């Protein structure tokens, strides 16, 4: 019998992901509204770099620090990407607040990203 595939159980190295701290406001309702996201990229590929830049610009303008972003390089952690059902990069997954959402591409369509994140559209 073949052994079952085991997902990586070790924590990712700092070089494999970037985390943005969640700013904890005094209002507990705002804490639950913090957006938690995971962006799957392929190293320094142009679309991956562009997706990260586009996402960070949207988050800085609209979420103002009330978000957590984890960047996962699928070259370093391919099983983790497969476990989340990611087969195309760059892919952004919004984990919370619910409903969860996934968007693929370089995230240049701001209105599409805002809808996926549950944000109201603002005029840029």
PDB file of N, CA and C in Angstrom:
ATOM      1  N   UNK A   1       0.842  -1.172   0.000  1.00  0.00           N
ATOM      2  CA  UNK A   1       0.000   0.000   0.000  1.00  0.00           C
ATOM      3  C   UNK A   1       0.893   1.242   0.000  1.00  0.00           C
ATOM      4  N   UNK A   2       0.504   2.247  -0.784  1.00  0.00           N
ATOM      5  CA  UNK A   2       1.275   3.482  -0.860  1.00  0.00           C
ATOM      6  C   UNK A   2       0.974   4.352   0.347  1.00  0.00           C
ATOM      7  N   UNK A   3       1.974   5.038   0.873  1.00  0.00           N
ATOM      8  CA  UNK A   3       1.709   5.934   2.003  1.00  0.00           C
ATOM      9  C   UNK A   3       0.912   7.141   1.530  1.00  0.00           C
ATOM     10  N   UNK A   4       0.061   7.632   2.403  1.00  0.00           N
ATOM     11  CA  UNK A   4      -0.742   8.815   2.080  1.00  0.00           C
ATOM     12  C   UNK A   4       0.164  10.035   2.026  1.00  0.00           C
ATOM     13  N   UNK A   5      -0.205  10.977   1.175  1.00  0.00           N
ATOM     14  CA  UNK A   5       0.548  12.223   1.110  1.00  0.00           C
ATOM     15  C   UNK A   5       0.360  12.979   2.408  1.00  0.00           C
ATOM     16  N   UNK A   6       1.432  13.458   2.937  1.00  0.00           N
ATOM     17  CA  UNK A   6       1.335  14.263   4.149  1.00  0.00           C
ATOM     18  C   UNK A   6       1.603  15.707   3.788  1.00  0.00           C
ATOM     19  N   UNK A   7       0.745  16.586   4.274  1.00  0.00           N
ATOM     20  CA  UNK A   7       0.957  18.003   4.055  1.00  0.00           C
ATOM     21  C   UNK A   7       2.072  18.470   4.965  1.00  0.00           C
ATOM     22  N   UNK A   8       2.729  19.533   4.543  1.00  0.00           N
ATOM     23  CA  UNK A   8       3.812  20.059   5.357  1.00  0.00           C
ATOM     24  C   UNK A   8       3.260  20.499   6.701  1.00  0.00           C
ATOM     25  N   UNK A   9       3.914  20.075   7.763  1.00  0.00           N
ATOM     26  CA  UNK A   9       3.444  20.410   9.097  1.00  0.00           C
ATOM     27  C   UNK A   9       4.335  21.445   9.763  1.00  0.00           C
ATOM     28  N   UNK A  10       5.463  21.731   9.129  1.00  0.00           N
ATOM     29  CA  UNK A  10       6.355  22.711   9.723  1.00  0.00           C
ATOM     30  C   UNK A  10       5.837  24.114   9.410  1.00  0.00           C
ATOM     31  N   UNK A  11       6.070  25.057  10.303  1.00  0.00           N
ATOM     32  CA  UNK A  11       5.677  26.424   9.985  1.00  0.00           C
ATOM     33  C   UNK A  11       6.533  26.954   8.840  1.00  0.00           C
ATOM     34  N   UNK A  12       5.948  27.786   8.034  1.00  0.00           N
ATOM     35  CA  UNK A  12       6.662  28.340   6.888  1.00  0.00           C
ATOM     36  C   UNK A  12       7.771  29.277   7.363  1.00  0.00           C
ATOM     37  N   UNK A  13       8.852  29.287   6.600  1.00  0.00           N
ATOM     38  CA  UNK A  13       9.937  30.211   6.916  1.00  0.00           C
ATOM     39  C   UNK A  13       9.528  31.628   6.572  1.00  0.00           C
ATOM     40  N   UNK A  14      10.136  32.575   7.241  1.00  0.00           N
ATOM     41  CA  UNK A  14       9.821  33.978   7.032  1.00  0.00           C
ATOM     42  C   UNK A  14      10.004  34.373   5.571  1.00  0.00           C
ATOM     43  N   UNK A  15      10.982  33.774   4.904  1.00  0.00           N
ATOM     44  CA  UNK A  15      11.222  34.104   3.506  1.00  0.00           C
ATOM     45  C   UNK A  15      10.120  33.590   2.593  1.00  0.00           C
ATOM     46  N   UNK A  16       9.321  32.672   3.069  1.00  0.00           N
ATOM     47  CA  UNK A  16       8.277  32.077   2.240  1.00  0.00           C
ATOM     48  C   UNK A  16       6.963  32.834   2.314  1.00  0.00           C
ATOM     49  N   UNK A  17       6.815  33.674   3.280  1.00  0.00           N
ATOM     50  CA  UNK A  17       5.560  34.405   3.389  1.00  0.00           C
ATOM     51  C   UNK A  17       5.791  35.738   4.066  1.00  0.00           C
ATOM     52  N   UNK A  18       4.895  36.624   3.857  1.00  0.00           N
ATOM     53  CA  UNK A  18       4.938  37.919   4.505  1.00  0.00           C
ATOM     54  C   UNK A  18       3.624  38.088   5.255  1.00  0.00           C
ATOM     55  N   UNK A  19       3.706  38.438   6.497  1.00  0.00           N
ATOM     56  CA  UNK A  19       2.498  38.651   7.293  1.00  0.00           C
ATOM     57  C   UNK A  19       2.374  40.129   7.617  1.00  0.00           C
ATOM     58  N   UNK A  20       1.168  40.616   7.510  1.00  0.00           N
ATOM     59  CA  UNK A  20       0.865  41.965   7.940  1.00  0.00           C
ATOM     60  C   UNK A  20       0.159  41.842   9.282  1.00  0.00           C
ATOM     61  N   UNK A  21       0.586  42.603  10.271  1.00  0.00           N
ATOM     62  CA  UNK A  21      -0.067  42.486  11.574  1.00  0.00           C
ATOM     63  C   UNK A  21      -1.492  43.007  11.526  1.00  0.00           C
ATOM     64  N   UNK A  22      -2.325  42.424  12.349  1.00  0.00           N
ATOM     65  CA  UNK A  22      -3.688  42.916  12.488  1.00  0.00           C
ATOM     66  C   UNK A  22      -3.660  44.035  13.508  1.00  0.00           C
ATOM     67  N   UNK A  23      -4.176  45.183  13.134  1.00  0.00           N
ATOM     68  CA  UNK A  23      -4.289  46.288  14.073  1.00  0.00           C
ATOM     69  C   UNK A  23      -5.550  46.042  14.879  1.00  0.00           C
ATOM     70  N   UNK A  24      -5.414  46.005  16.191  1.00  0.00           N
ATOM     71  CA  UNK A  24      -6.556  45.685  17.041  1.00  0.00           C
ATOM     72  C   UNK A  24      -7.149  46.974  17.585  1.00  0.00           C
ATOM     73  N   UNK A  25      -8.280  47.409  17.031  1.00  0.00           N
ATOM     74  CA  UNK A  25      -8.932  48.608  17.544  1.00  0.00           C
ATOM     75  C   UNK A  25      -9.638  48.311  18.858  1.00  0.00           C
ATOM     76  N   UNK A  26     -10.018  49.372  19.567  1.00  0.00           N
ATOM     77  CA  UNK A  26     -10.673  49.181  20.854  1.00  0.00           C
ATOM     78  C   UNK A  26     -12.080  48.617  20.697  1.00  0.00           C
ATOM     79  N   UNK A  27     -12.691  48.824  19.552  1.00  0.00           N
ATOM     80  CA  UNK A  27     -14.039  48.320  19.296  1.00  0.00           C
ATOM     81  C   UNK A  27     -13.962  46.843  18.915  1.00  0.00           C
ATOM     82  N   UNK A  28     -14.550  45.968  19.724  1.00  0.00           N
ATOM     83  CA  UNK A  28     -14.453  44.530  19.464  1.00  0.00           C
ATOM     84  C   UNK A  28     -15.161  44.127  18.179  1.00  0.00           C
ATOM     85  N   UNK A  29     -16.173  44.866  17.750  1.00  0.00           N
ATOM     86  CA  UNK A  29     -16.856  44.544  16.494  1.00  0.00           C
ATOM     87  C   UNK A  29     -15.912  44.744  15.311  1.00  0.00           C
ATOM     88  N   UNK A  30     -15.041  45.728  15.409  1.00  0.00           N
ATOM     89  CA  UNK A  30     -14.100  45.988  14.326  1.00  0.00           C
ATOM     90  C   UNK A  30     -13.052  44.885  14.227  1.00  0.00           C
ATOM     91  N   UNK A  31     -12.737  44.247  15.349  1.00  0.00           N
ATOM     92  CA  UNK A  31     -11.754  43.164  15.338  1.00  0.00           C
ATOM     93  C   UNK A  31     -12.265  42.010  14.494  1.00  0.00           C
ATOM     94  N   UNK A  32     -13.535  41.665  14.635  1.00  0.00           N
ATOM     95  CA  UNK A  32     -14.083  40.554  13.871  1.00  0.00           C
ATOM     96  C   UNK A  32     -14.180  40.896  12.388  1.00  0.00           C
ATOM     97  N   UNK A  33     -14.144  42.186  12.053  1.00  0.00           N
ATOM     98  CA  UNK A  33     -14.257  42.599  10.662  1.00  0.00           C
ATOM     99  C   UNK A  33     -12.906  42.639   9.956  1.00  0.00           C
ATOM    100  N   UNK A  34     -11.806  42.360  10.669  1.00  0.00           N
ATOM    101  CA  UNK A  34     -10.491  42.371  10.031  1.00  0.00           C
ATOM    102  C   UNK A  34     -10.473  41.332   8.917  1.00  0.00           C
ATOM    103  N   UNK A  35      -9.928  41.703   7.781  1.00  0.00           N
ATOM    104  CA  UNK A  35      -9.887  40.814   6.628  1.00  0.00           C
ATOM    105  C   UNK A  35      -8.613  39.972   6.689  1.00  0.00           C
ATOM    106  N   UNK A  36      -8.780  38.661   6.606  1.00  0.00           N
ATOM    107  CA  UNK A  36      -7.655  37.728   6.619  1.00  0.00           C
ATOM    108  C   UNK A  36      -7.572  37.107   5.228  1.00  0.00           C
ATOM    109  N   UNK A  37      -6.390  37.242   4.605  1.00  0.00           N
ATOM    110  CA  UNK A  37      -6.215  36.798   3.224  1.00  0.00           C
ATOM    111  C   UNK A  37      -4.940  35.981   3.079  1.00  0.00           C
ATOM    112  N   UNK A  38      -4.926  35.167   2.042  1.00  0.00           N
ATOM    113  CA  UNK A  38      -3.725  34.411   1.684  1.00  0.00           C
ATOM    114  C   UNK A  38      -3.522  34.577   0.177  1.00  0.00           C
ATOM    115  N   UNK A  39      -2.332  35.029  -0.206  1.00  0.00           N
ATOM    116  CA  UNK A  39      -2.003  35.226  -1.613  1.00  0.00           C
ATOM    117  C   UNK A  39      -0.977  34.187  -2.024  1.00  0.00           C
ATOM    118  N   UNK A  40      -1.336  33.369  -2.996  1.00  0.00           N
ATOM    119  CA  UNK A  40      -0.426  32.356  -3.528  1.00  0.00           C
ATOM    120  C   UNK A  40       0.276  32.935  -4.744  1.00  0.00           C
ATOM    121  N   UNK A  41       1.608  32.879  -4.729  1.00  0.00           N
ATOM    122  CA  UNK A  41       2.422  33.441  -5.804  1.00  0.00           C
ATOM    123  C   UNK A  41       3.457  32.419  -6.259  1.00  0.00           C
ATOM    124  N   UNK A  42       4.117  32.731  -7.380  1.00  0.00           N
ATOM    125  CA  UNK A  42       5.234  31.915  -7.861  1.00  0.00           C
ATOM    126  C   UNK A  42       6.464  32.808  -7.844  1.00  0.00           C
ATOM    127  N   UNK A  43       7.234  32.710  -6.775  1.00  0.00           N
ATOM    128  CA  UNK A  43       8.481  33.458  -6.654  1.00  0.00           C
ATOM    129  C   UNK A  43       8.347  34.905  -7.067  1.00  0.00           C
ATOM    130  N   UNK A  44       9.271  35.353  -7.915  1.00  0.00           N
ATOM    131  CA  UNK A  44       9.271  36.733  -8.378  1.00  0.00           C
ATOM    132  C   UNK A  44       8.672  36.901  -9.754  1.00  0.00           C
ATOM    133  N   UNK A  45       7.756  36.014 -10.143  1.00  0.00           N
ATOM    134  CA  UNK A  45       7.114  36.112 -11.453  1.00  0.00           C
ATOM    135  C   UNK A  45       6.397  37.463 -11.572  1.00  0.00           C
ATOM    136  N   UNK A  46       6.428  38.080 -12.758  1.00  0.00           N
ATOM    137  CA  UNK A  46       5.840  39.410 -12.928  1.00  0.00           C
ATOM    138  C   UNK A  46       4.388  39.526 -12.464  1.00  0.00           C
ATOM    139  N   UNK A  47       3.535  38.565 -12.807  1.00  0.00           N
ATOM    140  CA  UNK A  47       2.141  38.643 -12.367  1.00  0.00           C
ATOM    141  C   UNK A  47       2.019  38.521 -10.856  1.00  0.00           C
ATOM    142  N   UNK A  48       2.872  37.734 -10.238  1.00  0.00           N
ATOM    143  CA  UNK A  48       2.843  37.587  -8.784  1.00  0.00           C
ATOM    144  C   UNK A  48       3.266  38.880  -8.100  1.00  0.00           C
ATOM    145  N   UNK A  49       4.324  39.502  -8.611  1.00  0.00           N
ATOM    146  CA  UNK A  49       4.798  40.775  -8.052  1.00  0.00           C
ATOM    147  C   UNK A  49       3.726  41.844  -8.215  1.00  0.00           C
ATOM    148  N   UNK A  50       3.093  41.883  -9.384  1.00  0.00           N
ATOM    149  CA  UNK A  50       2.043  42.868  -9.642  1.00  0.00           C
ATOM    150  C   UNK A  50       0.833  42.626  -8.755  1.00  0.00           C
ATOM    151  N   UNK A  51       0.456  41.371  -8.561  1.00  0.00           N
ATOM    152  CA  UNK A  51      -0.685  41.053  -7.700  1.00  0.00           C
ATOM    153  C   UNK A  51      -0.439  41.535  -6.278  1.00  0.00           C
ATOM    154  N   UNK A  52       0.742  41.302  -5.757  1.00  0.00           N
ATOM    155  CA  UNK A  52       1.068  41.735  -4.399  1.00  0.00           C
ATOM    156  C   UNK A  52       1.023  43.254  -4.289  1.00  0.00           C
ATOM    157  N   UNK A  53       1.595  43.952  -5.260  1.00  0.00           N
ATOM    158  CA  UNK A  53       1.586  45.420  -5.239  1.00  0.00           C
ATOM    159  C   UNK A  53       0.162  45.963  -5.326  1.00  0.00           C
ATOM    160  N   UNK A  54      -0.648  45.399  -6.221  1.00  0.00           N
ATOM    161  CA  UNK A  54      -2.035  45.848  -6.364  1.00  0.00           C
ATOM    162  C   UNK A  54      -2.833  45.601  -5.092  1.00  0.00           C
ATOM    163  N   UNK A  55      -2.661  44.429  -4.498  1.00  0.00           N
ATOM    164  CA  UNK A  55      -3.397  44.094  -3.280  1.00  0.00           C
ATOM    165  C   UNK A  55      -2.980  44.993  -2.125  1.00  0.00           C
ATOM    166  N   UNK A  56      -1.688  45.211  -1.966  1.00  0.00           N
ATOM    167  CA  UNK A  56      -1.231  46.070  -0.871  1.00  0.00           C
ATOM    168  C   UNK A  56      -1.738  47.496  -1.036  1.00  0.00           C
ATOM    169  N   UNK A  57      -1.822  47.998  -2.266  1.00  0.00           N
ATOM    170  CA  UNK A  57      -2.348  49.342  -2.496  1.00  0.00           C
ATOM    171  C   UNK A  57      -3.811  49.431  -2.077  1.00  0.00           C
ATOM    172  N   UNK A  58      -4.604  48.435  -2.438  1.00  0.00           N
ATOM    173  CA  UNK A  58      -6.019  48.419  -2.055  1.00  0.00           C
ATOM    174  C   UNK A  58      -6.155  48.325  -0.540  1.00  0.00           C
ATOM    175  N   UNK A  59      -5.381  47.453   0.073  1.00  0.00           N
ATOM    176  CA  UNK A  59      -5.466  47.267   1.530  1.00  0.00           C
ATOM    177  C   UNK A  59      -5.052  48.521   2.281  1.00  0.00           C
ATOM    178  N   UNK A  60      -4.007  49.191   1.825  1.00  0.00           N
ATOM    179  CA  UNK A  60      -3.557  50.402   2.507  1.00  0.00           C
ATOM    180  C   UNK A  60      -4.575  51.522   2.387  1.00  0.00           C
ATOM    181  N   UNK A  61      -5.240  51.602   1.249  1.00  0.00           N
ATOM    182  CA  UNK A  61      -6.235  52.659   1.057  1.00  0.00           C
ATOM    183  C   UNK A  61      -7.533  52.376   1.800  1.00  0.00           C
ATOM    184  N   UNK A  62      -7.987  51.131   1.774  1.00  0.00           N
ATOM    185  CA  UNK A  62      -9.321  50.856   2.285  1.00  0.00           C
ATOM    186  C   UNK A  62      -9.360  50.131   3.618  1.00  0.00           C
ATOM    187  N   UNK A  63      -8.396  49.307   3.894  1.00  0.00           N
ATOM    188  CA  UNK A  63      -8.427  48.556   5.151  1.00  0.00           C
ATOM    189  C   UNK A  63      -7.573  49.210   6.230  1.00  0.00           C
ATOM    190  N   UNK A  64      -6.685  50.072   5.835  1.00  0.00           N
ATOM    191  CA  UNK A  64      -5.870  50.875   6.746  1.00  0.00           C
ATOM    192  C   UNK A  64      -5.302  50.082   7.916  1.00  0.00           C
ATOM    193  N   UNK A  65      -4.693  48.949   7.614  1.00  0.00           N
ATOM    194  CA  UNK A  65      -4.034  48.153   8.647  1.00  0.00           C
ATOM    195  C   UNK A  65      -4.912  47.111   9.299  1.00  0.00           C
ATOM    196  N   UNK A  66      -6.196  47.106   9.014  1.00  0.00           N
ATOM    197  CA  UNK A  66      -7.103  46.141   9.631  1.00  0.00           C
ATOM    198  C   UNK A  66      -7.222  44.889   8.754  1.00  0.00           C
ATOM    199  N   UNK A  67      -6.071  44.297   8.476  1.00  0.00           N
ATOM    200  CA  UNK A  67      -6.048  43.090   7.657  1.00  0.00           C
ATOM    201  C   UNK A  67      -4.807  42.282   7.983  1.00  0.00           C
ATOM    202  N   UNK A  68      -4.866  41.024   7.593  1.00  0.00           N
ATOM    203  CA  UNK A  68      -3.706  40.141   7.723  1.00  0.00           C
ATOM    204  C   UNK A  68      -3.505  39.491   6.369  1.00  0.00           C
ATOM    205  N   UNK A  69      -2.298  39.597   5.852  1.00  0.00           N
ATOM    206  CA  UNK A  69      -1.984  39.037   4.543  1.00  0.00           C
ATOM    207  C   UNK A  69      -0.836  38.060   4.689  1.00  0.00           C
ATOM    208  N   UNK A  70      -1.067  36.850   4.237  1.00  0.00           N
ATOM    209  CA  UNK A  70      -0.028  35.832   4.214  1.00  0.00           C
ATOM    210  C   UNK A  70       0.300  35.557   2.751  1.00  0.00           C
ATOM    211  N   UNK A  71       1.564  35.638   2.397  1.00  0.00           N
ATOM    212  CA  UNK A  71       1.996  35.368   1.030  1.00  0.00           C
ATOM    213  C   UNK A  71       2.698  34.017   1.017  1.00  0.00           C
ATOM    214  N   UNK A  72       2.194  33.110   0.175  1.00  0.00           N
ATOM    215  CA  UNK A  72       2.744  31.759   0.089  1.00  0.00           C
ATOM    216  C   UNK A  72       3.322  31.548  -1.308  1.00  0.00           C
ATOM    217  N   UNK A  73       4.598  31.203  -1.369  1.00  0.00           N
ATOM    218  CA  UNK A  73       5.257  30.901  -2.638  1.00  0.00           C
ATOM    219  C   UNK A  73       5.037  29.415  -2.933  1.00  0.00           C
ATOM    220  N   UNK A  74       4.325  29.118  -4.013  1.00  0.00           N
ATOM    221  CA  UNK A  74       4.010  27.717  -4.316  1.00  0.00           C
ATOM    222  C   UNK A  74       5.235  26.922  -4.752  1.00  0.00           C
ATOM    223  N   UNK A  75       6.307  27.600  -5.130  1.00  0.00           N
ATOM    224  CA  UNK A  75       7.540  26.874  -5.433  1.00  0.00           C
ATOM    225  C   UNK A  75       8.143  26.296  -4.159  1.00  0.00           C
ATOM    226  N   UNK A  76       7.909  26.961  -3.047  1.00  0.00           N
ATOM    227  CA  UNK A  76       8.428  26.510  -1.753  1.00  0.00           C
ATOM    228  C   UNK A  76       7.451  25.590  -1.026  1.00  0.00           C
ATOM    229  N   UNK A  77       6.148  25.801  -1.221  1.00  0.00           N
ATOM    230  CA  UNK A  77       5.124  25.035  -0.507  1.00  0.00           C
ATOM    231  C   UNK A  77       4.026  24.554  -1.457  1.00  0.00           C
ATOM    232  N   UNK A  78       4.348  23.686  -2.401  1.00  0.00           N
ATOM    233  CA  UNK A  78       3.341  23.256  -3.378  1.00  0.00           C
ATOM    234  C   UNK A  78       2.187  22.471  -2.761  1.00  0.00           C
ATOM    235  N   UNK A  79       2.445  21.673  -1.753  1.00  0.00           N
ATOM    236  CA  UNK A  79       1.367  20.887  -1.149  1.00  0.00           C
ATOM    237  C   UNK A  79       0.361  21.771  -0.423  1.00  0.00           C
ATOM    238  N   UNK A  80       0.837  22.868   0.114  1.00  0.00           N
ATOM    239  CA  UNK A  80      -0.073  23.790   0.793  1.00  0.00           C
ATOM    240  C   UNK A  80      -1.037  24.418  -0.214  1.00  0.00           C
ATOM    241  N   UNK A  81      -0.520  24.767  -1.374  1.00  0.00           N
ATOM    242  CA  UNK A  81      -1.375  25.325  -2.416  1.00  0.00           C
ATOM    243  C   UNK A  81      -2.415  24.301  -2.854  1.00  0.00           C
ATOM    244  N   UNK A  82      -1.990  23.071  -3.057  1.00  0.00           N
ATOM    245  CA  UNK A  82      -2.935  22.026  -3.457  1.00  0.00           C
ATOM    246  C   UNK A  82      -3.988  21.778  -2.387  1.00  0.00           C
ATOM    247  N   UNK A  83      -3.593  21.842  -1.130  1.00  0.00           N
ATOM    248  CA  UNK A  83      -4.542  21.626  -0.035  1.00  0.00           C
ATOM    249  C   UNK A  83      -5.637  22.688  -0.036  1.00  0.00           C
ATOM    250  N   UNK A  84      -5.306  23.906  -0.487  1.00  0.00           N
ATOM    251  CA  UNK A  84      -6.297  24.980  -0.573  1.00  0.00           C
ATOM    252  C   UNK A  84      -6.988  25.012  -1.935  1.00  0.00           C
ATOM    253  N   UNK A  85      -6.677  24.051  -2.796  1.00  0.00           N
ATOM    254  CA  UNK A  85      -7.320  23.988  -4.104  1.00  0.00           C
ATOM    255  C   UNK A  85      -6.782  25.006  -5.094  1.00  0.00           C
ATOM    256  N   UNK A  86      -5.583  25.497  -4.860  1.00  0.00           N
ATOM    257  CA  UNK A  86      -4.986  26.497  -5.746  1.00  0.00           C
ATOM    258  C   UNK A  86      -4.202  25.785  -6.843  1.00  0.00           C
ATOM    259  N   UNK A  87      -4.616  26.013  -8.089  1.00  0.00           N
ATOM    260  CA  UNK A  87      -3.902  25.418  -9.218  1.00  0.00           C
ATOM    261  C   UNK A  87      -3.410  26.484 -10.194  1.00  0.00           C
ATOM    262  N   UNK A  88      -3.795  27.742  -9.951  1.00  0.00           N
ATOM    263  CA  UNK A  88      -3.386  28.859 -10.792  1.00  0.00           C
ATOM    264  C   UNK A  88      -2.830  29.950  -9.882  1.00  0.00           C
ATOM    265  N   UNK A  89      -1.744  30.577 -10.318  1.00  0.00           N
ATOM    266  CA  UNK A  89      -1.202  31.695  -9.553  1.00  0.00           C
ATOM    267  C   UNK A  89      -1.071  32.914 -10.458  1.00  0.00           C
ATOM    268  N   UNK A  90      -1.126  34.084  -9.876  1.00  0.00           N
ATOM    269  CA  UNK A  90      -1.411  34.352  -8.478  1.00  0.00           C
ATOM    270  C   UNK A  90      -2.884  34.125  -8.147  1.00  0.00           C
ATOM    271  N   UNK A  91      -3.133  33.653  -6.938  1.00  0.00           N
ATOM    272  CA  UNK A  91      -4.490  33.431  -6.435  1.00  0.00           C
ATOM    273  C   UNK A  91      -4.613  34.055  -5.058  1.00  0.00           C
ATOM    274  N   UNK A  92      -5.674  34.821  -4.876  1.00  0.00           N
ATOM    275  CA  UNK A  92      -5.957  35.431  -3.580  1.00  0.00           C
ATOM    276  C   UNK A  92      -7.162  34.735  -2.976  1.00  0.00           C
ATOM    277  N   UNK A  93      -7.019  34.305  -1.730  1.00  0.00           N
ATOM    278  CA  UNK A  93      -8.133  33.696  -1.010  1.00  0.00           C
ATOM    279  C   UNK A  93      -8.452  34.570   0.191  1.00  0.00           C
ATOM    280  N   UNK A  94      -9.696  35.014   0.281  1.00  0.00           N
ATOM    281  CA  UNK A  94     -10.149  35.736   1.474  1.00  0.00           C
ATOM    282  C   UNK A  94     -10.695  34.684   2.422  1.00  0.00           C
ATOM    283  N   UNK A  95     -10.077  34.570   3.585  1.00  0.00           N
ATOM    284  CA  UNK A  95     -10.455  33.549   4.555  1.00  0.00           C
ATOM    285  C   UNK A  95     -11.529  34.038   5.516  1.00  0.00           C
ATOM    286  N   UNK A  96     -11.452  35.286   5.917  1.00  0.00           N
ATOM    287  CA  UNK A  96     -12.463  35.851   6.803  1.00  0.00           C
ATOM    288  C   UNK A  96     -12.482  37.359   6.612  1.00  0.00           C
ATOM    289  N   UNK A  97     -13.583  38.000   6.907  1.00  0.00           N
ATOM    290  CA  UNK A  97     -14.833  37.416   7.377  1.00  0.00           C
ATOM    291  C   UNK A  97     -15.538  36.662   6.250  1.00  0.00           C
ATOM    292  N   UNK A  98     -16.407  35.777   6.651  1.00  0.00           N
ATOM    293  CA  UNK A  98     -17.170  34.996   5.686  1.00  0.00           C
ATOM    294  C   UNK A  98     -18.117  35.900   4.918  1.00  0.00           C
ATOM    295  N   UNK A  99     -18.486  35.598   3.706  1.00  0.00           N
ATOM    296  CA  UNK A  99     -18.165  34.385   2.970  1.00  0.00           C
ATOM    297  C   UNK A  99     -16.744  34.440   2.414  1.00  0.00           C
ATOM    298  N   UNK A 100     -16.132  33.280   2.343  1.00  0.00           N
ATOM    299  CA  UNK A 100     -14.800  33.172   1.755  1.00  0.00           C
ATOM    300  C   UNK A 100     -14.904  33.466   0.261  1.00  0.00           C
ATOM    301  N   UNK A 101     -13.804  33.913  -0.318  1.00  0.00           N
ATOM    302  CA  UNK A 101     -13.795  34.225  -1.748  1.00  0.00           C
ATOM    303  C   UNK A 101     -12.413  33.942  -2.309  1.00  0.00           C
ATOM    304  N   UNK A 102     -12.369  33.686  -3.614  1.00  0.00           N
ATOM    305  CA  UNK A 102     -11.090  33.462  -4.285  1.00  0.00           C
ATOM    306  C   UNK A 102     -11.093  34.235  -5.592  1.00  0.00           C
ATOM    307  N   UNK A 103      -9.964  34.850  -5.890  1.00  0.00           N
ATOM    308  CA  UNK A 103      -9.815  35.602  -7.130  1.00  0.00           C
ATOM    309  C   UNK A 103      -8.436  35.272  -7.709  1.00  0.00           C
ATOM    310  N   UNK A 104      -8.377  35.138  -9.021  1.00  0.00           N
ATOM    311  CA  UNK A 104      -7.152  34.723  -9.699  1.00  0.00           C
ATOM    312  C   UNK A 104      -6.701  35.841 -10.635  1.00  0.00           C
ATOM    313  N   UNK A 105      -5.397  36.031 -10.733  1.00  0.00           N
ATOM    314  CA  UNK A 105      -4.846  37.013 -11.660  1.00  0.00           C
ATOM    315  C   UNK A 105      -3.966  38.013 -10.942  1.00  0.00           C
ATOM    316  N   UNK A 106      -3.569  39.068 -11.664  1.00  0.00           N
ATOM    317  CA  UNK A 106      -2.651  40.040 -11.074  1.00  0.00           C
ATOM    318  C   UNK A 106      -3.356  41.113 -10.249  1.00  0.00           C
ATOM    319  N   UNK A 107      -4.649  40.969 -10.053  1.00  0.00           N
ATOM    320  CA  UNK A 107      -5.458  41.835  -9.178  1.00  0.00           C
ATOM    321  C   UNK A 107      -5.463  43.289  -9.645  1.00  0.00           C
ATOM    322  N   UNK A 108      -5.344  43.510 -10.953  1.00  0.00           N
ATOM    323  CA  UNK A 108      -5.344  44.869 -11.489  1.00  0.00           C
ATOM    324  C   UNK A 108      -6.750  45.449 -11.611  1.00  0.00           C
ATOM    325  N   UNK A 109      -7.776  44.605 -11.621  1.00  0.00           N
ATOM    326  CA  UNK A 109      -9.159  45.076 -11.677  1.00  0.00           C
ATOM    327  C   UNK A 109      -9.617  45.371 -10.248  1.00  0.00           C
ATOM    328  N   UNK A 110      -9.466  46.641  -9.851  1.00  0.00           N
ATOM    329  CA  UNK A 110      -9.727  47.027  -8.459  1.00  0.00           C
ATOM    330  C   UNK A 110     -11.152  46.723  -8.021  1.00  0.00           C
ATOM    331  N   UNK A 111     -12.124  46.970  -8.888  1.00  0.00           N
ATOM    332  CA  UNK A 111     -13.515  46.734  -8.486  1.00  0.00           C
ATOM    333  C   UNK A 111     -13.774  45.246  -8.248  1.00  0.00           C
ATOM    334  N   UNK A 112     -13.163  44.394  -9.040  1.00  0.00           N
ATOM    335  CA  UNK A 112     -13.320  42.947  -8.858  1.00  0.00           C
ATOM    336  C   UNK A 112     -12.689  42.498  -7.532  1.00  0.00           C
ATOM    337  N   UNK A 113     -11.523  43.040  -7.211  1.00  0.00           N
ATOM    338  CA  UNK A 113     -10.855  42.705  -5.949  1.00  0.00           C
ATOM    339  C   UNK A 113     -11.682  43.209  -4.771  1.00  0.00           C
ATOM    340  N   UNK A 114     -12.186  44.428  -4.878  1.00  0.00           N
ATOM    341  CA  UNK A 114     -13.003  44.991  -3.803  1.00  0.00           C
ATOM    342  C   UNK A 114     -14.252  44.156  -3.556  1.00  0.00           C
ATOM    343  N   UNK A 115     -14.898  43.720  -4.615  1.00  0.00           N
ATOM    344  CA  UNK A 115     -16.086  42.867  -4.447  1.00  0.00           C
ATOM    345  C   UNK A 115     -15.711  41.558  -3.772  1.00  0.00           C
ATOM    346  N   UNK A 116     -14.594  40.960  -4.180  1.00  0.00           N
ATOM    347  CA  UNK A 116     -14.160  39.696  -3.581  1.00  0.00           C
ATOM    348  C   UNK A 116     -13.856  39.863  -2.096  1.00  0.00           C
ATOM    349  N   UNK A 117     -13.341  41.027  -1.723  1.00  0.00           N
ATOM    350  CA  UNK A 117     -13.005  41.282  -0.323  1.00  0.00           C
ATOM    351  C   UNK A 117     -14.182  41.827   0.479  1.00  0.00           C
ATOM    352  N   UNK A 118     -15.297  42.086  -0.196  1.00  0.00           N
ATOM    353  CA  UNK A 118     -16.470  42.603   0.500  1.00  0.00           C
ATOM    354  C   UNK A 118     -16.349  44.069   0.852  1.00  0.00           C
ATOM    355  N   UNK A 119     -15.598  44.818   0.059  1.00  0.00           N
ATOM    356  CA  UNK A 119     -15.400  46.242   0.308  1.00  0.00           C
ATOM    357  C   UNK A 119     -16.271  47.046  -0.638  1.00  0.00           C
ATOM    358  N   UNK A 120     -16.741  48.188  -0.158  1.00  0.00           N
ATOM    359  CA  UNK A 120     -17.493  49.053  -1.057  1.00  0.00           C
ATOM    360  C   UNK A 120     -16.517  49.706  -2.015  1.00  0.00           C
ATOM    361  N   UNK A 121     -16.969  49.939  -3.214  1.00  0.00           N
ATOM    362  CA  UNK A 121     -16.092  50.530  -4.214  1.00  0.00           C
ATOM    363  C   UNK A 121     -15.927  52.011  -3.930  1.00  0.00           C
ATOM    364  N   UNK A 122     -14.702  52.493  -4.088  1.00  0.00           N
ATOM    365  CA  UNK A 122     -14.409  53.908  -3.924  1.00  0.00           C
ATOM    366  C   UNK A 122     -13.823  54.419  -5.225  1.00  0.00           C
ATOM    367  N   UNK A 123     -14.056  55.676  -5.493  1.00  0.00           N
ATOM    368  CA  UNK A 123     -13.486  56.278  -6.695  1.00  0.00           C
ATOM    369  C   UNK A 123     -12.017  56.543  -6.433  1.00  0.00           C
ATOM    370  N   UNK A 124     -11.196  56.078  -7.356  1.00  0.00           N
ATOM    371  CA  UNK A 124      -9.746  56.231  -7.191  1.00  0.00           C
ATOM    372  C   UNK A 124      -9.376  57.536  -7.748  1.00  0.00           C
TER     373      UNK A 124
END
